[in-house]
Amino acid sequence: MASEELKSWIAGMPKAELHVHLEGCLTPALVHTFAERNNLPLPAALSSLDQTSGYSFHDLTTFLAVYYPNLAVLQTEHDFRDLAMDYLTRAHAQNIKHVELFFDPQAHTSRGVPFPTVLRGYRLALLTAQRTLGISASLIMCILRDQSAEYAMATLMEALPFKDSIIGVGLDSDERGNPPSKFAAVFQRASKEGFLMTAHCDIDQPNSIDHIRQVVQEIQVDRIDHGTNVVEDDSLVEILRHKGIGLTCCPVSNSVVTDDFKGKEIVDLLRRGVKVTVNSDDPAYFRAYANENMEKMAMGTDVTRKELIQLQRNAFSISWISIWRKTHFLSLLQEYEDRTLSTVVNGV
């Protein structure tokens, strides 16, 4: 268990979060609230849980079987706004200065919720949080890889009128049998439209290395989400390092959906110069936000405090924000390092 002093030090560190799904911020309490608000029955996954209990699953398949049915309670712009504000308030409390949020419009349009309802609700929350909390935030629209490429392209077309509110396009959901190359044309169009690009390459999935190679060489993404299986191919590691392609890693979620949290791999990549970062993924489901994921790294590996700082320096460095804001956040982080580590040489 992390010491209270270490937890306090991690909590005080200025942080950026680049891998968090808004739909994955739907806590049991929020599900109850939205179900009651919209006069809907509780999803099956919550029928036997109270508002404070955690969800129950043991791998990626069972996680998704809980995750998607819960979204039925999200119906109105008000719901999407409140969902995003709940996460942003928690992020602000953990000293997150900048966050880039995934959202899955197809998970809502497929059940009849209009795209503008989703986007406007989320956008209102981001604007409110920026004004009232001072947290910097932007949206990344994800494509559901277990849906068709045609549906993905149609969703991209729906997003074009909202280009000023969406900074990038990503790829998530069930990776099995759904390689990134399936969506090459969609990403090509997204790139032409000026979107930045990222893609999930989930850990320990079939053909992991081939999928990483596809997103790097064929799709030419700017970042990769998860992606720690890259350690299996030194040539790919060198390409990531040389191109400055960052990995948005999620230790706690790794430990739930697979047999290992991949801490050793994250530290290995960090020490080899790859811009790895630490994030929360779906914090309402994995019961861990940004600080808890940093604590997982601190207590589960031999990472030093300077290296924990470097994980956040990487996050700000590969974030999709303006140069002046990036410089500002990096200076805050440097000040924190100088102030808190002046007497610390090594160790946690």
Protein backbone atom coordinates (compact mmCIF):
# COMPACT_ATOMS: atom_id res chain seq x y z
CA MET A 1 0.00 0.00 0.00
CA ALA A 2 1.27 3.46 -0.87
CA SER A 3 2.31 5.59 2.10
CA GLU A 4 0.22 8.62 2.93
CA GLU A 5 3.18 10.85 2.13
CA LEU A 6 3.55 9.28 -1.32
CA LYS A 7 -0.18 9.56 -1.99
CA SER A 8 -0.04 13.21 -1.01
CA TRP A 9 2.94 13.83 -3.29
CA ILE A 10 1.21 12.16 -6.25
CA ALA A 11 -1.99 14.09 -5.52
CA GLY A 12 -0.14 17.39 -5.58
CA MET A 13 1.55 16.72 -8.92
CA PRO A 14 0.13 18.66 -11.91
CA LYS A 15 -1.20 16.03 -14.30
CA ALA A 16 -2.64 15.45 -17.76
CA GLU A 17 -4.98 12.59 -18.64
CA LEU A 18 -5.11 11.43 -22.25
CA HIS A 19 -6.97 8.11 -21.99
CA VAL A 20 -10.33 8.30 -20.27
CA HIS A 21 -13.69 7.31 -21.73
CA LEU A 22 -16.59 9.55 -20.81
CA GLU A 23 -18.95 6.60 -20.99
CA GLY A 24 -16.55 4.81 -18.64
CA CYS A 25 -17.16 7.54 -16.05
CA LEU A 26 -20.76 6.38 -15.53
CA THR A 27 -20.75 5.48 -11.85
CA PRO A 28 -23.47 3.28 -10.28
CA ALA A 29 -24.81 6.39 -8.55
CA LEU A 30 -25.14 8.21 -11.87
CA VAL A 31 -26.88 5.22 -13.45
CA HIS A 32 -29.45 5.35 -10.66
CA THR A 33 -29.85 9.11 -11.10
CA PHE A 34 -30.32 8.99 -14.86
CA ALA A 35 -32.62 5.96 -14.76
CA GLU A 36 -34.87 7.72 -12.27
CA ARG A 37 -34.72 11.00 -14.19
CA ASN A 38 -35.70 9.33 -17.46
CA ASN A 39 -38.21 6.89 -15.92
CA LEU A 40 -36.21 3.87 -17.07
CA PRO A 41 -35.54 0.51 -15.41
CA LEU A 42 -32.10 -0.08 -14.00
CA PRO A 43 -29.77 -2.06 -16.29
CA ALA A 44 -29.35 -5.69 -15.30
CA ALA A 45 -25.78 -5.13 -14.10
CA LEU A 46 -27.08 -2.77 -11.41
CA SER A 47 -30.25 -4.56 -10.39
CA SER A 48 -28.48 -6.31 -7.52
CA LEU A 49 -26.09 -3.47 -6.59
CA ASP A 50 -26.60 -0.37 -4.51
CA GLN A 51 -25.34 3.03 -5.64
CA THR A 52 -21.93 2.65 -4.02
CA SER A 53 -21.10 -0.92 -5.07
CA GLY A 54 -18.69 -1.51 -7.92
CA TYR A 55 -19.49 -3.27 -11.17
CA SER A 56 -18.62 -6.96 -11.53
CA PHE A 57 -16.58 -8.32 -14.46
CA HIS A 58 -13.31 -10.19 -14.94
CA ASP A 59 -12.06 -9.64 -18.51
CA LEU A 60 -12.62 -7.43 -21.55
CA THR A 61 -15.60 -9.43 -22.80
CA THR A 62 -17.48 -9.38 -19.50
CA PHE A 63 -16.54 -5.72 -19.01
CA LEU A 64 -18.14 -4.74 -22.33
CA ALA A 65 -21.21 -6.85 -21.47
CA VAL A 66 -21.77 -4.57 -18.47
CA TYR A 67 -20.53 -1.34 -20.06
CA TYR A 68 -22.81 -1.02 -23.08
CA PRO A 69 -26.18 -1.93 -21.48
CA ASN A 70 -25.59 0.71 -18.80
CA LEU A 71 -25.55 3.43 -21.46
CA ALA A 72 -29.31 3.04 -21.99
CA VAL A 73 -29.89 5.50 -19.13
CA LEU A 74 -28.19 8.31 -21.09
CA GLN A 75 -30.99 9.98 -23.03
CA THR A 76 -30.77 13.77 -22.95
CA GLU A 77 -28.27 16.57 -23.36
CA HIS A 78 -28.69 17.12 -19.62
CA ASP A 79 -27.54 13.54 -18.93
CA PHE A 80 -24.41 13.83 -21.07
CA ARG A 81 -23.55 17.17 -19.52
CA ASP A 82 -23.92 15.80 -15.98
CA LEU A 83 -21.87 12.70 -16.80
CA ALA A 84 -18.96 14.77 -18.10
CA MET A 85 -19.17 17.28 -15.25
CA ASP A 86 -19.01 14.48 -12.69
CA TYR A 87 -15.72 13.26 -14.16
CA LEU A 88 -14.28 16.76 -14.67
CA THR A 89 -15.03 17.68 -11.06
CA ARG A 90 -13.22 14.55 -9.87
CA ALA A 91 -10.32 15.26 -12.24
CA HIS A 92 -9.99 18.81 -10.95
CA ALA A 93 -9.86 17.47 -7.38
CA GLN A 94 -6.93 15.24 -8.44
CA ASN A 95 -5.01 18.24 -9.82
CA ILE A 96 -5.47 17.29 -13.46
CA LYS A 97 -4.72 20.40 -15.48
CA HIS A 98 -5.58 19.05 -18.93
CA VAL A 99 -7.69 16.13 -20.10
CA GLU A 100 -8.54 14.69 -23.52
CA LEU A 101 -11.77 12.75 -23.31
CA PHE A 102 -12.91 9.87 -25.49
CA PHE A 103 -16.58 9.59 -26.36
CA ASP A 104 -18.45 6.92 -28.34
CA PRO A 105 -21.29 8.49 -30.36
CA GLN A 106 -22.22 5.17 -32.01
CA ALA A 107 -23.04 3.73 -28.58
CA HIS A 108 -25.82 6.32 -28.47
CA THR A 109 -26.87 6.90 -32.09
CA SER A 110 -27.34 3.13 -32.46
CA ARG A 111 -30.11 3.32 -29.86
CA GLY A 112 -31.76 6.43 -31.26
CA VAL A 113 -30.02 9.27 -29.44
CA PRO A 114 -29.09 11.97 -32.00
CA PHE A 115 -25.41 12.79 -32.46
CA PRO A 116 -25.96 16.52 -31.66
CA THR A 117 -27.56 15.61 -28.32
CA VAL A 118 -24.44 13.72 -27.28
CA LEU A 119 -21.97 16.29 -28.52
CA ARG A 120 -23.76 19.35 -27.17
CA GLY A 121 -24.13 17.84 -23.72
CA TYR A 122 -20.45 16.94 -23.51
CA ARG A 123 -19.35 20.26 -24.99
CA LEU A 124 -21.41 22.23 -22.48
CA ALA A 125 -19.73 20.37 -19.63
CA LEU A 126 -16.26 21.10 -21.01
CA LEU A 127 -17.04 24.79 -21.38
CA THR A 128 -18.52 24.94 -17.89
CA ALA A 129 -15.54 23.13 -16.35
CA GLN A 130 -13.07 25.37 -18.14
CA ARG A 131 -14.88 28.45 -16.84
CA THR A 132 -15.63 27.33 -13.28
CA LEU A 133 -12.80 24.90 -12.49
CA GLY A 134 -10.05 26.15 -14.78
CA ILE A 135 -9.48 22.67 -16.20
CA SER A 136 -8.40 22.45 -19.84
CA ALA A 137 -10.35 19.80 -21.77
CA SER A 138 -11.06 18.58 -25.30
CA LEU A 139 -12.97 15.75 -26.98
CA ILE A 140 -11.77 12.78 -29.05
CA MET A 141 -14.48 10.93 -30.99
CA CYS A 142 -13.96 7.18 -31.00
CA ILE A 143 -15.11 4.71 -33.63
CA LEU A 144 -16.50 1.40 -32.40
CA ARG A 145 -14.35 -1.21 -34.11
CA ASP A 146 -16.92 -3.98 -33.66
CA GLN A 147 -19.30 -2.02 -35.90
CA SER A 148 -18.96 -1.74 -39.68
CA ALA A 149 -16.54 0.55 -41.49
CA GLU A 150 -19.54 2.06 -43.29
CA TYR A 151 -21.15 3.02 -40.00
CA ALA A 152 -17.84 4.50 -38.88
CA MET A 153 -17.63 6.64 -42.02
CA ALA A 154 -21.22 7.80 -41.57
CA THR A 155 -20.41 8.79 -37.99
CA LEU A 156 -17.38 10.74 -39.15
CA MET A 157 -19.60 12.61 -41.60
CA GLU A 158 -22.00 13.45 -38.75
CA ALA A 159 -19.10 14.88 -36.80
CA LEU A 160 -17.96 17.31 -39.50
CA PRO A 161 -20.35 20.14 -38.51
CA PHE A 162 -18.82 19.93 -35.01
CA LYS A 163 -15.16 19.94 -36.05
CA ASP A 164 -14.46 22.94 -33.84
CA SER A 165 -15.45 20.86 -30.79
CA ILE A 166 -13.63 17.58 -31.61
CA ILE A 167 -9.84 17.54 -31.64
CA GLY A 168 -9.26 13.98 -32.81
CA VAL A 169 -10.59 10.59 -33.89
CA GLY A 170 -9.85 7.33 -32.10
CA LEU A 171 -10.67 3.62 -32.33
CA ASP A 172 -11.91 1.51 -29.43
CA SER A 173 -14.17 -1.40 -28.32
CA ASP A 174 -13.70 -5.13 -29.01
CA GLU A 175 -10.46 -5.64 -30.93
CA ARG A 176 -10.89 -9.34 -31.69
CA GLY A 177 -11.39 -9.78 -35.44
CA ASN A 178 -11.48 -6.01 -35.92
CA PRO A 179 -8.00 -4.88 -36.97
CA PRO A 180 -7.24 -1.17 -37.39
CA SER A 181 -6.85 -1.69 -41.14
CA LYS A 182 -10.61 -2.28 -41.31
CA PHE A 183 -10.98 1.48 -40.80
CA ALA A 184 -8.08 2.73 -42.92
CA ALA A 185 -10.35 4.71 -45.26
CA VAL A 186 -12.13 6.33 -42.31
CA PHE A 187 -8.86 7.43 -40.78
CA GLN A 188 -7.63 8.68 -44.14
CA ARG A 189 -10.72 10.90 -44.43
CA ALA A 190 -10.37 12.01 -40.80
CA SER A 191 -6.80 13.06 -41.48
CA LYS A 192 -7.84 15.05 -44.55
CA GLU A 193 -10.46 16.81 -42.42
CA GLY A 194 -7.76 17.91 -39.99
CA PHE A 195 -8.44 15.56 -37.10
CA LEU A 196 -5.55 14.18 -35.07
CA MET A 197 -5.61 10.39 -34.78
CA THR A 198 -5.16 7.69 -32.18
CA ALA A 199 -6.20 4.06 -31.84
CA HIS A 200 -6.57 1.46 -29.12
CA CYS A 201 -4.17 -1.45 -29.40
CA ASP A 202 -5.40 -3.36 -26.38
CA ILE A 203 -3.02 -5.45 -24.35
CA ASP A 204 -2.54 -9.18 -24.84
CA GLN A 205 -5.05 -9.43 -27.67
CA PRO A 206 -4.64 -11.70 -30.70
CA ASN A 207 -2.36 -10.11 -33.32
CA SER A 208 -1.36 -7.26 -30.99
CA ILE A 209 1.95 -6.57 -32.71
CA ASP A 210 0.39 -6.65 -36.17
CA HIS A 211 -2.24 -4.16 -35.03
CA ILE A 212 0.39 -1.83 -33.60
CA ARG A 213 2.29 -2.07 -36.88
CA GLN A 214 -0.90 -1.21 -38.80
CA VAL A 215 -1.66 1.92 -36.80
CA VAL A 216 1.94 3.12 -37.01
CA GLN A 217 2.78 2.32 -40.62
CA GLU A 218 -0.56 2.18 -42.45
CA ILE A 219 -2.83 4.57 -40.56
CA GLN A 220 0.00 6.73 -39.19
CA VAL A 221 -1.61 7.66 -35.91
CA ASP A 222 -0.28 10.42 -33.68
CA ARG A 223 -0.70 8.30 -30.53
CA ILE A 224 -1.54 4.74 -29.46
CA ASP A 225 -3.86 3.86 -26.58
CA HIS A 226 -2.57 1.00 -24.39
CA GLY A 227 -0.02 -0.56 -26.80
CA THR A 228 2.45 -1.99 -24.30
CA ASN A 229 2.72 -5.23 -26.29
CA VAL A 230 5.09 -3.23 -28.49
CA VAL A 231 7.88 -4.47 -26.18
CA GLU A 232 7.67 -7.75 -28.12
CA ASP A 233 9.20 -6.06 -31.19
CA ASP A 234 12.32 -3.94 -30.66
CA SER A 235 12.10 -2.47 -34.14
CA LEU A 236 8.62 -1.11 -33.42
CA VAL A 237 9.79 0.29 -30.09
CA GLU A 238 12.51 2.18 -31.93
CA ILE A 239 9.98 3.54 -34.44
CA LEU A 240 7.79 4.84 -31.60
CA ARG A 241 10.78 6.43 -29.91
CA HIS A 242 12.10 7.98 -33.12
CA LYS A 243 8.71 9.37 -34.19
CA GLY A 244 7.72 10.50 -30.72
CA ILE A 245 4.51 8.45 -30.80
CA GLY A 246 3.22 8.24 -27.25
CA LEU A 247 1.38 5.42 -25.48
CA THR A 248 -1.56 6.17 -23.18
CA CYS A 249 -1.30 3.29 -20.70
CA CYS A 250 -3.78 2.31 -17.98
CA PRO A 251 -2.24 0.13 -15.24
CA VAL A 252 -5.31 -0.52 -13.08
CA SER A 253 -7.59 -1.49 -15.96
CA ASN A 254 -4.83 -3.72 -17.30
CA SER A 255 -4.76 -5.58 -14.00
CA VAL A 256 -8.50 -6.25 -14.17
CA VAL A 257 -8.98 -7.36 -17.77
CA THR A 258 -5.72 -9.33 -18.03
CA ASP A 259 -3.34 -11.14 -15.71
CA ASP A 260 -0.89 -8.24 -15.27
CA PHE A 261 -0.94 -4.46 -14.96
CA LYS A 262 2.04 -4.14 -17.34
CA GLY A 263 3.97 -1.94 -14.93
CA LYS A 264 7.33 -3.47 -15.82
CA GLU A 265 6.66 -2.93 -19.51
CA ILE A 266 5.64 0.69 -18.94
CA VAL A 267 8.82 1.37 -16.96
CA ASP A 268 10.95 -0.43 -19.56
CA LEU A 269 9.48 1.69 -22.35
CA LEU A 270 9.91 4.85 -20.28
CA ARG A 271 13.60 4.10 -19.75
CA ARG A 272 14.03 3.39 -23.45
CA GLY A 273 12.77 6.86 -24.31
CA VAL A 274 9.23 6.03 -25.43
CA LYS A 275 6.68 8.65 -24.37
CA VAL A 276 4.53 6.42 -22.19
CA THR A 277 1.85 7.96 -19.97
CA VAL A 278 -0.43 6.75 -17.15
CA ASN A 279 -4.21 7.19 -17.28
CA SER A 280 -7.45 5.89 -15.78
CA ASP A 281 -9.31 4.43 -18.81
CA ASP A 282 -12.82 3.75 -17.40
CA PRO A 283 -12.51 4.96 -13.81
CA ALA A 284 -16.08 4.30 -12.72
CA TYR A 285 -15.66 0.64 -13.65
CA PHE A 286 -12.08 0.06 -12.53
CA ARG A 287 -12.54 2.12 -9.36
CA ALA A 288 -9.36 4.10 -9.95
CA TYR A 289 -8.81 7.61 -11.27
CA ALA A 290 -5.52 9.20 -12.31
CA ASN A 291 -3.92 9.36 -8.85
CA GLU A 292 -4.71 5.73 -8.08
CA ASN A 293 -3.10 4.65 -11.35
CA MET A 294 0.03 6.61 -10.48
CA GLU A 295 0.01 4.96 -7.05
CA LYS A 296 -0.23 1.56 -8.76
CA MET A 297 2.93 2.34 -10.72
CA ALA A 298 4.74 3.69 -7.66
CA MET A 299 4.05 0.67 -5.49
CA GLY A 300 4.13 -2.08 -8.10
CA THR A 301 7.40 -1.23 -9.86
CA ASP A 302 10.84 0.20 -9.12
CA VAL A 303 9.93 3.50 -10.79
CA THR A 304 11.49 6.55 -9.13
CA ARG A 305 9.76 9.80 -8.28
CA LYS A 306 11.66 11.55 -11.03
CA GLU A 307 10.31 8.94 -13.44
CA LEU A 308 6.77 9.46 -12.15
CA ILE A 309 7.28 13.14 -12.98
CA GLN A 310 8.54 12.08 -16.41
CA LEU A 311 5.34 10.12 -17.04
CA GLN A 312 3.41 13.36 -16.61
CA ARG A 313 5.95 15.33 -18.61
CA ASN A 314 5.33 12.84 -21.42
CA ALA A 315 1.58 13.34 -21.09
CA PHE A 316 1.77 17.11 -21.45
CA SER A 317 4.31 16.73 -24.26
CA ILE A 318 2.15 14.45 -26.42
CA SER A 319 -1.12 16.22 -25.59
CA TRP A 320 -3.00 17.94 -28.40
CA ILE A 321 -2.90 21.47 -27.04
CA SER A 322 -1.33 24.73 -28.13
CA ILE A 323 2.37 25.29 -27.64
CA TRP A 324 1.83 28.09 -25.14
CA ARG A 325 -0.51 26.00 -22.95
CA LYS A 326 1.84 23.03 -23.19
CA THR A 327 4.74 25.25 -22.12
CA HIS A 328 2.69 26.59 -19.22
CA PHE A 329 1.73 23.15 -17.91
CA LEU A 330 5.25 21.81 -18.31
CA SER A 331 6.57 24.77 -16.34
CA LEU A 332 4.11 23.99 -13.53
CA LEU A 333 5.36 20.41 -13.50
CA GLN A 334 9.00 21.54 -13.47
CA GLU A 335 8.30 23.87 -10.57
CA TYR A 336 6.68 21.00 -8.67
CA GLU A 337 9.66 18.74 -9.31
CA ASP A 338 12.13 21.42 -8.25
CA ARG A 339 10.18 22.20 -5.09
CA THR A 340 9.42 18.64 -3.94
CA LEU A 341 12.41 16.62 -5.15
CA SER A 342 15.25 18.92 -4.19
CA THR A 343 16.26 16.48 -1.46
CA VAL A 344 15.22 13.30 -3.23
CA VAL A 345 17.82 11.55 -5.37
CA ASN A 346 16.24 8.19 -6.10
CA GLY A 347 13.47 5.93 -4.94
CA VAL A 348 9.82 6.24 -4.10
